[in-house]
């Protein structure tokens, strides 16, 4: 039976500013990527989101970012591999503290936004992020764009990896994501995004922006928690996957060394 993980970026509120419908989304997913303070997520939000994820039995992951609150972590910054290592390790440690406080533990790490996209194509940044994950806990899963440098770096570091695909993002013919600054980069229609998720889960392919078929071998599908209809989409996608005979479950953590 085909098994796939449903992950969502959550805990992205900050102070008095509220983002998303985290509790409603948590009822539909198997893994949560929780903001660690650099693009969103103050300590109270991090603590509350971790507690909610634990209560729902959802796997808890750190969602480290470039230090860019104003740009929501979606602006590329010139950072060295050493800086990427340090900021990743710092943010993993912060979220791990809240997970321990909730009587739980971290399950995975998925970089956010620009850091994710930069590491997908830059082998040195990917290796630095993988090293930070491995140095913290080599039994954590590293999540990265399917077919990119990040899962490759994770495997080279001896980590378990989860190749990720996106239901609501348009792909290029080379398997990369269409940048958000370009028109049509985000699929806003729920039916179209659900159809793309099913195509990935059932057939391992998407239709790129130029109309070509792109092979995408994914272990996990991403839902963006910052979209206004995130809870509706999560519910619709989960139902469609289950109706297609697909089991939804978080991947197993890396085996003990």
C-alpha atoms as a PDB file:
ATOM      1  CA  UNK A   1       0.000   0.000   0.000  1.00  0.00           C
ATOM      2  CA  UNK A   2       1.289   3.447  -0.903  1.00  0.00           C
ATOM      3  CA  UNK A   3       2.159   5.576   2.128  1.00  0.00           C
ATOM      4  CA  UNK A   4       2.766   9.309   2.028  1.00  0.00           C
ATOM      5  CA  UNK A   5       3.327  11.987   4.643  1.00  0.00           C
ATOM      6  CA  UNK A   6       1.318  15.220   4.748  1.00  0.00           C
ATOM      7  CA  UNK A   7       3.367  18.054   6.213  1.00  0.00           C
ATOM      8  CA  UNK A   8       2.469  21.674   6.894  1.00  0.00           C
ATOM      9  CA  UNK A   9       4.424  24.784   7.887  1.00  0.00           C
ATOM     10  CA  UNK A  10       2.854  25.983  11.144  1.00  0.00           C
ATOM     11  CA  UNK A  11       3.472  28.203  14.158  1.00  0.00           C
ATOM     12  CA  UNK A  12       4.010  31.188  11.879  1.00  0.00           C
ATOM     13  CA  UNK A  13       2.213  33.756  14.033  1.00  0.00           C
ATOM     14  CA  UNK A  14       4.303  36.402  15.772  1.00  0.00           C
ATOM     15  CA  UNK A  15       3.328  38.499  18.787  1.00  0.00           C
ATOM     16  CA  UNK A  16      -0.126  40.027  18.238  1.00  0.00           C
ATOM     17  CA  UNK A  17      -0.046  39.074  14.535  1.00  0.00           C
ATOM     18  CA  UNK A  18      -1.874  35.843  13.719  1.00  0.00           C
ATOM     19  CA  UNK A  19      -1.220  33.563  10.757  1.00  0.00           C
ATOM     20  CA  UNK A  20      -3.158  30.499   9.700  1.00  0.00           C
ATOM     21  CA  UNK A  21      -5.557  28.014  11.299  1.00  0.00           C
ATOM     22  CA  UNK A  22      -3.027  25.751  12.948  1.00  0.00           C
ATOM     23  CA  UNK A  23      -5.354  23.630  15.089  1.00  0.00           C
ATOM     24  CA  UNK A  24      -7.745  22.922  12.205  1.00  0.00           C
ATOM     25  CA  UNK A  25      -4.843  21.960   9.935  1.00  0.00           C
ATOM     26  CA  UNK A  26      -3.233  19.732  12.578  1.00  0.00           C
ATOM     27  CA  UNK A  27      -6.289  17.485  12.525  1.00  0.00           C
ATOM     28  CA  UNK A  28      -5.562  16.634   8.869  1.00  0.00           C
ATOM     29  CA  UNK A  29      -1.768  16.183   8.652  1.00  0.00           C
ATOM     30  CA  UNK A  30       0.909  13.780   9.863  1.00  0.00           C
ATOM     31  CA  UNK A  31       3.913  16.141  10.227  1.00  0.00           C
ATOM     32  CA  UNK A  32       4.261  19.762  11.342  1.00  0.00           C
ATOM     33  CA  UNK A  33       7.173  22.048  10.482  1.00  0.00           C
ATOM     34  CA  UNK A  34       7.193  24.668  13.240  1.00  0.00           C
ATOM     35  CA  UNK A  35       8.755  28.111  12.788  1.00  0.00           C
ATOM     36  CA  UNK A  36      11.728  28.710  15.064  1.00  0.00           C
ATOM     37  CA  UNK A  37      11.753  32.504  15.451  1.00  0.00           C
ATOM     38  CA  UNK A  38      13.788  33.657  12.450  1.00  0.00           C
ATOM     39  CA  UNK A  39      10.961  34.164   9.918  1.00  0.00           C
ATOM     40  CA  UNK A  40       8.030  33.824  12.336  1.00  0.00           C
ATOM     41  CA  UNK A  41       7.214  32.145  15.616  1.00  0.00           C
ATOM     42  CA  UNK A  42       7.909  33.852  18.937  1.00  0.00           C
ATOM     43  CA  UNK A  43       8.565  31.674  22.014  1.00  0.00           C
ATOM     44  CA  UNK A  44       4.904  31.606  23.108  1.00  0.00           C
ATOM     45  CA  UNK A  45       3.796  30.597  19.595  1.00  0.00           C
ATOM     46  CA  UNK A  46       6.486  27.931  19.370  1.00  0.00           C
ATOM     47  CA  UNK A  47       5.479  26.459  22.724  1.00  0.00           C
ATOM     48  CA  UNK A  48       1.754  26.500  21.933  1.00  0.00           C
ATOM     49  CA  UNK A  49       2.208  24.981  18.472  1.00  0.00           C
ATOM     50  CA  UNK A  50       4.435  22.191  19.770  1.00  0.00           C
ATOM     51  CA  UNK A  51       1.873  21.375  22.454  1.00  0.00           C
ATOM     52  CA  UNK A  52      -0.944  21.294  19.863  1.00  0.00           C
ATOM     53  CA  UNK A  53       1.075  19.053  17.549  1.00  0.00           C
ATOM     54  CA  UNK A  54       1.874  16.663  20.393  1.00  0.00           C
ATOM     55  CA  UNK A  55      -1.794  16.550  21.436  1.00  0.00           C
ATOM     56  CA  UNK A  56      -2.803  15.642  17.867  1.00  0.00           C
ATOM     57  CA  UNK A  57      -0.119  12.954  17.567  1.00  0.00           C
ATOM     58  CA  UNK A  58       1.546  14.868  14.736  1.00  0.00           C
ATOM     59  CA  UNK A  59       5.312  14.523  14.168  1.00  0.00           C
ATOM     60  CA  UNK A  60       7.143  17.673  15.272  1.00  0.00           C
ATOM     61  CA  UNK A  61       9.760  19.225  13.018  1.00  0.00           C
ATOM     62  CA  UNK A  62      11.954  22.319  13.179  1.00  0.00           C
ATOM     63  CA  UNK A  63      11.462  24.834  10.361  1.00  0.00           C
ATOM     64  CA  UNK A  64      14.653  26.940  10.394  1.00  0.00           C
ATOM     65  CA  UNK A  65      14.924  30.036   8.225  1.00  0.00           C
ATOM     66  CA  UNK A  66      17.155  32.869   7.206  1.00  0.00           C
ATOM     67  CA  UNK A  67      16.925  35.744   9.741  1.00  0.00           C
ATOM     68  CA  UNK A  68      14.221  37.699   7.909  1.00  0.00           C
ATOM     69  CA  UNK A  69      11.081  38.495   9.911  1.00  0.00           C
ATOM     70  CA  UNK A  70      10.047  41.374   7.676  1.00  0.00           C
ATOM     71  CA  UNK A  71      10.297  39.271   4.510  1.00  0.00           C
ATOM     72  CA  UNK A  72       8.840  36.111   6.111  1.00  0.00           C
ATOM     73  CA  UNK A  73      12.079  34.298   5.258  1.00  0.00           C
ATOM     74  CA  UNK A  74      11.339  34.386   1.529  1.00  0.00           C
ATOM     75  CA  UNK A  75      14.100  36.816   0.518  1.00  0.00           C
ATOM     76  CA  UNK A  76      17.475  35.369  -0.366  1.00  0.00           C
ATOM     77  CA  UNK A  77      20.365  36.621   1.773  1.00  0.00           C
ATOM     78  CA  UNK A  78      24.064  36.143   1.128  1.00  0.00           C
ATOM     79  CA  UNK A  79      25.057  33.699   3.867  1.00  0.00           C
ATOM     80  CA  UNK A  80      28.118  31.480   4.078  1.00  0.00           C
ATOM     81  CA  UNK A  81      28.001  27.752   4.700  1.00  0.00           C
ATOM     82  CA  UNK A  82      29.273  28.363   8.245  1.00  0.00           C
ATOM     83  CA  UNK A  83      26.490  30.860   8.888  1.00  0.00           C
ATOM     84  CA  UNK A  84      23.884  28.451   7.503  1.00  0.00           C
ATOM     85  CA  UNK A  85      25.215  25.721   9.816  1.00  0.00           C
ATOM     86  CA  UNK A  86      25.099  27.963  12.897  1.00  0.00           C
ATOM     87  CA  UNK A  87      21.625  29.401  12.273  1.00  0.00           C
ATOM     88  CA  UNK A  88      20.216  25.953  11.538  1.00  0.00           C
ATOM     89  CA  UNK A  89      21.702  24.399  14.672  1.00  0.00           C
ATOM     90  CA  UNK A  90      20.534  27.353  16.780  1.00  0.00           C
ATOM     91  CA  UNK A  91      16.938  27.072  15.604  1.00  0.00           C
ATOM     92  CA  UNK A  92      16.797  23.274  15.921  1.00  0.00           C
ATOM     93  CA  UNK A  93      17.972  23.599  19.513  1.00  0.00           C
ATOM     94  CA  UNK A  94      15.310  26.201  20.312  1.00  0.00           C
ATOM     95  CA  UNK A  95      12.426  24.082  19.050  1.00  0.00           C
ATOM     96  CA  UNK A  96      13.856  20.919  20.601  1.00  0.00           C
ATOM     97  CA  UNK A  97      13.640  22.604  23.998  1.00  0.00           C
ATOM     98  CA  UNK A  98       9.920  23.177  23.563  1.00  0.00           C
ATOM     99  CA  UNK A  99       9.424  19.622  22.320  1.00  0.00           C
ATOM    100  CA  UNK A 100      11.160  18.278  25.419  1.00  0.00           C
ATOM    101  CA  UNK A 101       9.050  20.546  27.605  1.00  0.00           C
ATOM    102  CA  UNK A 102       5.931  19.060  26.001  1.00  0.00           C
ATOM    103  CA  UNK A 103       7.130  15.535  26.755  1.00  0.00           C
ATOM    104  CA  UNK A 104       7.887  14.896  23.094  1.00  0.00           C
ATOM    105  CA  UNK A 105      10.895  15.036  20.780  1.00  0.00           C
ATOM    106  CA  UNK A 106      11.867  16.351  17.370  1.00  0.00           C
ATOM    107  CA  UNK A 107      11.175  14.107  14.392  1.00  0.00           C
ATOM    108  CA  UNK A 108      12.533  16.061  11.407  1.00  0.00           C
ATOM    109  CA  UNK A 109      14.004  19.299  10.102  1.00  0.00           C
ATOM    110  CA  UNK A 110      12.776  21.184   7.038  1.00  0.00           C
ATOM    111  CA  UNK A 111      14.346  24.521   6.068  1.00  0.00           C
ATOM    112  CA  UNK A 112      11.966  27.340   5.215  1.00  0.00           C
ATOM    113  CA  UNK A 113      11.509  29.603   2.220  1.00  0.00           C
ATOM    114  CA  UNK A 114      14.611  31.108   0.696  1.00  0.00           C
ATOM    115  CA  UNK A 115      16.955  28.945   2.781  1.00  0.00           C
ATOM    116  CA  UNK A 116      15.175  25.839   1.470  1.00  0.00           C
ATOM    117  CA  UNK A 117      15.385  26.982  -2.139  1.00  0.00           C
ATOM    118  CA  UNK A 118      19.023  28.071  -1.855  1.00  0.00           C
ATOM    119  CA  UNK A 119      19.988  24.720  -0.317  1.00  0.00           C
ATOM    120  CA  UNK A 120      18.109  22.897  -3.072  1.00  0.00           C
ATOM    121  CA  UNK A 121      20.589  24.192  -5.643  1.00  0.00           C
ATOM    122  CA  UNK A 122      23.732  25.022  -3.592  1.00  0.00           C
ATOM    123  CA  UNK A 123      25.588  21.891  -2.495  1.00  0.00           C
ATOM    124  CA  UNK A 124      27.708  23.736   0.095  1.00  0.00           C
ATOM    125  CA  UNK A 125      24.676  25.213   1.856  1.00  0.00           C
ATOM    126  CA  UNK A 126      22.900  21.858   1.672  1.00  0.00           C
ATOM    127  CA  UNK A 127      25.905  20.126   3.252  1.00  0.00           C
ATOM    128  CA  UNK A 128      26.057  22.737   6.030  1.00  0.00           C
ATOM    129  CA  UNK A 129      22.381  22.259   6.882  1.00  0.00           C
ATOM    130  CA  UNK A 130      22.741  18.480   6.821  1.00  0.00           C
ATOM    131  CA  UNK A 131      25.793  18.709   9.093  1.00  0.00           C
ATOM    132  CA  UNK A 132      23.860  20.843  11.592  1.00  0.00           C
ATOM    133  CA  UNK A 133      21.036  18.292  11.682  1.00  0.00           C
ATOM    134  CA  UNK A 134      23.440  15.364  12.056  1.00  0.00           C
ATOM    135  CA  UNK A 135      25.462  17.110  14.755  1.00  0.00           C
ATOM    136  CA  UNK A 136      22.312  17.775  16.766  1.00  0.00           C
ATOM    137  CA  UNK A 137      20.753  14.339  16.327  1.00  0.00           C
ATOM    138  CA  UNK A 138      21.584  12.022  13.442  1.00  0.00           C
ATOM    139  CA  UNK A 139      18.295  10.198  13.912  1.00  0.00           C
ATOM    140  CA  UNK A 140      16.341  13.217  12.714  1.00  0.00           C
ATOM    141  CA  UNK A 141      14.904  13.177   9.181  1.00  0.00           C
ATOM    142  CA  UNK A 142      16.002  15.930   6.791  1.00  0.00           C
ATOM    143  CA  UNK A 143      13.227  17.122   4.485  1.00  0.00           C
ATOM    144  CA  UNK A 144      14.140  18.684   1.138  1.00  0.00           C
ATOM    145  CA  UNK A 145      12.921  19.229  -2.392  1.00  0.00           C
ATOM    146  CA  UNK A 146      12.751  15.942  -4.293  1.00  0.00           C
ATOM    147  CA  UNK A 147      15.673  15.549  -6.690  1.00  0.00           C
ATOM    148  CA  UNK A 148      17.614  18.499  -5.261  1.00  0.00           C
ATOM    149  CA  UNK A 149      20.944  18.987  -3.491  1.00  0.00           C
ATOM    150  CA  UNK A 150      19.385  18.954  -0.012  1.00  0.00           C
ATOM    151  CA  UNK A 151      18.261  15.296   0.144  1.00  0.00           C
ATOM    152  CA  UNK A 152      21.554  14.333  -1.503  1.00  0.00           C
ATOM    153  CA  UNK A 153      23.485  16.136   1.239  1.00  0.00           C
ATOM    154  CA  UNK A 154      21.348  14.471   3.893  1.00  0.00           C
ATOM    155  CA  UNK A 155      22.109  11.003   2.558  1.00  0.00           C
ATOM    156  CA  UNK A 156      25.829  11.849   2.346  1.00  0.00           C
ATOM    157  CA  UNK A 157      25.711  12.881   6.025  1.00  0.00           C
ATOM    158  CA  UNK A 158      24.131   9.549   6.966  1.00  0.00           C
ATOM    159  CA  UNK A 159      20.678  10.983   7.659  1.00  0.00           C
ATOM    160  CA  UNK A 160      17.304   9.573   6.766  1.00  0.00           C
ATOM    161  CA  UNK A 161      15.720  11.933   4.258  1.00  0.00           C
ATOM    162  CA  UNK A 162      12.194  12.685   3.062  1.00  0.00           C
ATOM    163  CA  UNK A 163      11.910  13.923  -0.513  1.00  0.00           C
ATOM    164  CA  UNK A 164       9.249  16.623  -0.646  1.00  0.00           C
ATOM    165  CA  UNK A 165       6.829  17.747  -3.334  1.00  0.00           C
ATOM    166  CA  UNK A 166       4.324  20.598  -3.451  1.00  0.00           C
ATOM    167  CA  UNK A 167       0.656  20.424  -4.323  1.00  0.00           C
ATOM    168  CA  UNK A 168       0.166  24.178  -4.667  1.00  0.00           C
ATOM    169  CA  UNK A 169       3.375  25.242  -6.406  1.00  0.00           C
ATOM    170  CA  UNK A 170       4.010  25.216 -10.140  1.00  0.00           C
ATOM    171  CA  UNK A 171       7.072  23.278 -11.277  1.00  0.00           C
ATOM    172  CA  UNK A 172       9.590  24.044 -13.987  1.00  0.00           C
ATOM    173  CA  UNK A 173      10.582  21.439 -16.560  1.00  0.00           C
ATOM    174  CA  UNK A 174      13.840  20.737 -14.665  1.00  0.00           C
ATOM    175  CA  UNK A 175      11.947  19.761 -11.495  1.00  0.00           C
ATOM    176  CA  UNK A 176      12.643  23.009  -9.640  1.00  0.00           C
ATOM    177  CA  UNK A 177       9.884  25.210  -8.247  1.00  0.00           C
ATOM    178  CA  UNK A 178       8.778  28.266 -10.196  1.00  0.00           C
ATOM    179  CA  UNK A 179       9.931  31.275  -8.116  1.00  0.00           C
ATOM    180  CA  UNK A 180       7.137  33.019  -6.248  1.00  0.00           C
ATOM    181  CA  UNK A 181       7.953  36.322  -7.951  1.00  0.00           C
ATOM    182  CA  UNK A 182       6.767  34.862 -11.269  1.00  0.00           C
ATOM    183  CA  UNK A 183       3.121  34.841 -12.296  1.00  0.00           C
ATOM    184  CA  UNK A 184       1.412  31.493 -11.799  1.00  0.00           C
ATOM    185  CA  UNK A 185       4.007  30.185  -9.335  1.00  0.00           C
ATOM    186  CA  UNK A 186       1.328  29.386  -6.747  1.00  0.00           C
ATOM    187  CA  UNK A 187      -1.718  27.257  -7.548  1.00  0.00           C
ATOM    188  CA  UNK A 188      -4.583  28.976  -5.755  1.00  0.00           C
ATOM    189  CA  UNK A 189      -7.475  26.789  -6.906  1.00  0.00           C
ATOM    190  CA  UNK A 190      -8.130  24.004  -4.371  1.00  0.00           C
ATOM    191  CA  UNK A 191      -9.291  21.498  -7.012  1.00  0.00           C
ATOM    192  CA  UNK A 192      -6.148  22.024  -9.098  1.00  0.00           C
ATOM    193  CA  UNK A 193      -3.844  21.713  -6.081  1.00  0.00           C
ATOM    194  CA  UNK A 194      -5.590  18.528  -4.913  1.00  0.00           C
ATOM    195  CA  UNK A 195      -5.278  17.091  -8.433  1.00  0.00           C
ATOM    196  CA  UNK A 196      -1.541  17.845  -8.463  1.00  0.00           C
ATOM    197  CA  UNK A 197      -1.123  16.204  -5.054  1.00  0.00           C
ATOM    198  CA  UNK A 198      -2.904  13.073  -6.269  1.00  0.00           C
ATOM    199  CA  UNK A 199      -0.799  12.996  -9.432  1.00  0.00           C
ATOM    200  CA  UNK A 200       2.373  13.092  -7.360  1.00  0.00           C
ATOM    201  CA  UNK A 201       1.202  10.481  -4.864  1.00  0.00           C
ATOM    202  CA  UNK A 202      -0.276   8.062  -7.407  1.00  0.00           C
ATOM    203  CA  UNK A 203       1.845   8.549 -10.512  1.00  0.00           C
ATOM    204  CA  UNK A 204       5.007  10.354  -9.392  1.00  0.00           C
ATOM    205  CA  UNK A 205       4.599  13.194 -11.861  1.00  0.00           C
ATOM    206  CA  UNK A 206       3.414  16.775 -12.278  1.00  0.00           C
ATOM    207  CA  UNK A 207       2.665  18.931 -15.293  1.00  0.00           C
ATOM    208  CA  UNK A 208       5.191  21.773 -15.460  1.00  0.00           C
ATOM    209  CA  UNK A 209       4.335  25.330 -16.398  1.00  0.00           C
ATOM    210  CA  UNK A 210       5.389  24.659 -19.995  1.00  0.00           C
ATOM    211  CA  UNK A 211       3.062  21.663 -20.243  1.00  0.00           C
ATOM    212  CA  UNK A 212       5.759  18.985 -19.981  1.00  0.00           C
ATOM    213  CA  UNK A 213       5.523  16.025 -17.596  1.00  0.00           C
ATOM    214  CA  UNK A 214       8.047  16.071 -14.745  1.00  0.00           C
ATOM    215  CA  UNK A 215       8.885  12.978 -12.683  1.00  0.00           C
ATOM    216  CA  UNK A 216       8.662  13.688  -8.928  1.00  0.00           C
ATOM    217  CA  UNK A 217       9.392  10.863  -6.474  1.00  0.00           C
ATOM    218  CA  UNK A 218       8.109  12.168  -3.151  1.00  0.00           C
ATOM    219  CA  UNK A 219       7.817  10.812   0.381  1.00  0.00           C
ATOM    220  CA  UNK A 220       5.949  13.848   1.703  1.00  0.00           C
ATOM    221  CA  UNK A 221       3.522  16.451   0.361  1.00  0.00           C
ATOM    222  CA  UNK A 222       3.573  20.028   1.647  1.00  0.00           C
ATOM    223  CA  UNK A 223       0.574  22.133   2.598  1.00  0.00           C
ATOM    224  CA  UNK A 224       1.289  25.835   3.201  1.00  0.00           C
ATOM    225  CA  UNK A 225      -0.225  26.924   6.508  1.00  0.00           C
ATOM    226  CA  UNK A 226      -0.076  30.642   5.628  1.00  0.00           C
ATOM    227  CA  UNK A 227      -2.779  30.314   2.940  1.00  0.00           C
ATOM    228  CA  UNK A 228      -6.265  31.536   3.960  1.00  0.00           C
ATOM    229  CA  UNK A 229      -7.853  28.256   2.852  1.00  0.00           C
ATOM    230  CA  UNK A 230      -5.161  25.992   4.339  1.00  0.00           C
ATOM    231  CA  UNK A 231      -7.583  24.048   6.547  1.00  0.00           C
ATOM    232  CA  UNK A 232     -10.067  23.504   3.711  1.00  0.00           C
ATOM    233  CA  UNK A 233      -7.303  22.376   1.385  1.00  0.00           C
ATOM    234  CA  UNK A 234      -5.787  20.046   3.994  1.00  0.00           C
ATOM    235  CA  UNK A 235      -9.158  18.404   4.586  1.00  0.00           C
ATOM    236  CA  UNK A 236      -9.865  18.018   0.858  1.00  0.00           C
ATOM    237  CA  UNK A 237      -6.409  16.639   0.078  1.00  0.00           C
ATOM    238  CA  UNK A 238      -6.483  14.162   2.960  1.00  0.00           C
ATOM    239  CA  UNK A 239      -9.903  12.872   1.882  1.00  0.00           C
ATOM    240  CA  UNK A 240      -8.788  12.527  -1.746  1.00  0.00           C
ATOM    241  CA  UNK A 241      -5.651  10.593  -0.785  1.00  0.00           C
ATOM    242  CA  UNK A 242      -7.542   8.241   1.504  1.00  0.00           C
ATOM    243  CA  UNK A 243     -10.217   7.681  -1.156  1.00  0.00           C
ATOM    244  CA  UNK A 244      -7.415   6.712  -3.548  1.00  0.00           C
ATOM    245  CA  UNK A 245      -6.226   4.020  -1.116  1.00  0.00           C
ATOM    246  CA  UNK A 246      -3.172   5.932   0.102  1.00  0.00           C
ATOM    247  CA  UNK A 247      -2.134   5.725   3.758  1.00  0.00           C
ATOM    248  CA  UNK A 248      -1.099   8.998   5.410  1.00  0.00           C
ATOM    249  CA  UNK A 249       1.698   8.668   7.966  1.00  0.00           C
ATOM    250  CA  UNK A 250       4.864  10.408   9.048  1.00  0.00           C
ATOM    251  CA  UNK A 251       8.086   8.666   7.956  1.00  0.00           C
ATOM    252  CA  UNK A 252      10.033   6.674  10.523  1.00  0.00           C
ATOM    253  CA  UNK A 253      12.951   8.441  12.159  1.00  0.00           C
ATOM    254  CA  UNK A 254      16.418   7.268  11.250  1.00  0.00           C
ATOM    255  CA  UNK A 255      17.440   3.899  12.688  1.00  0.00           C
ATOM    256  CA  UNK A 256      19.692   3.867  15.713  1.00  0.00           C
ATOM    257  CA  UNK A 257      23.364   3.836  14.763  1.00  0.00           C
END
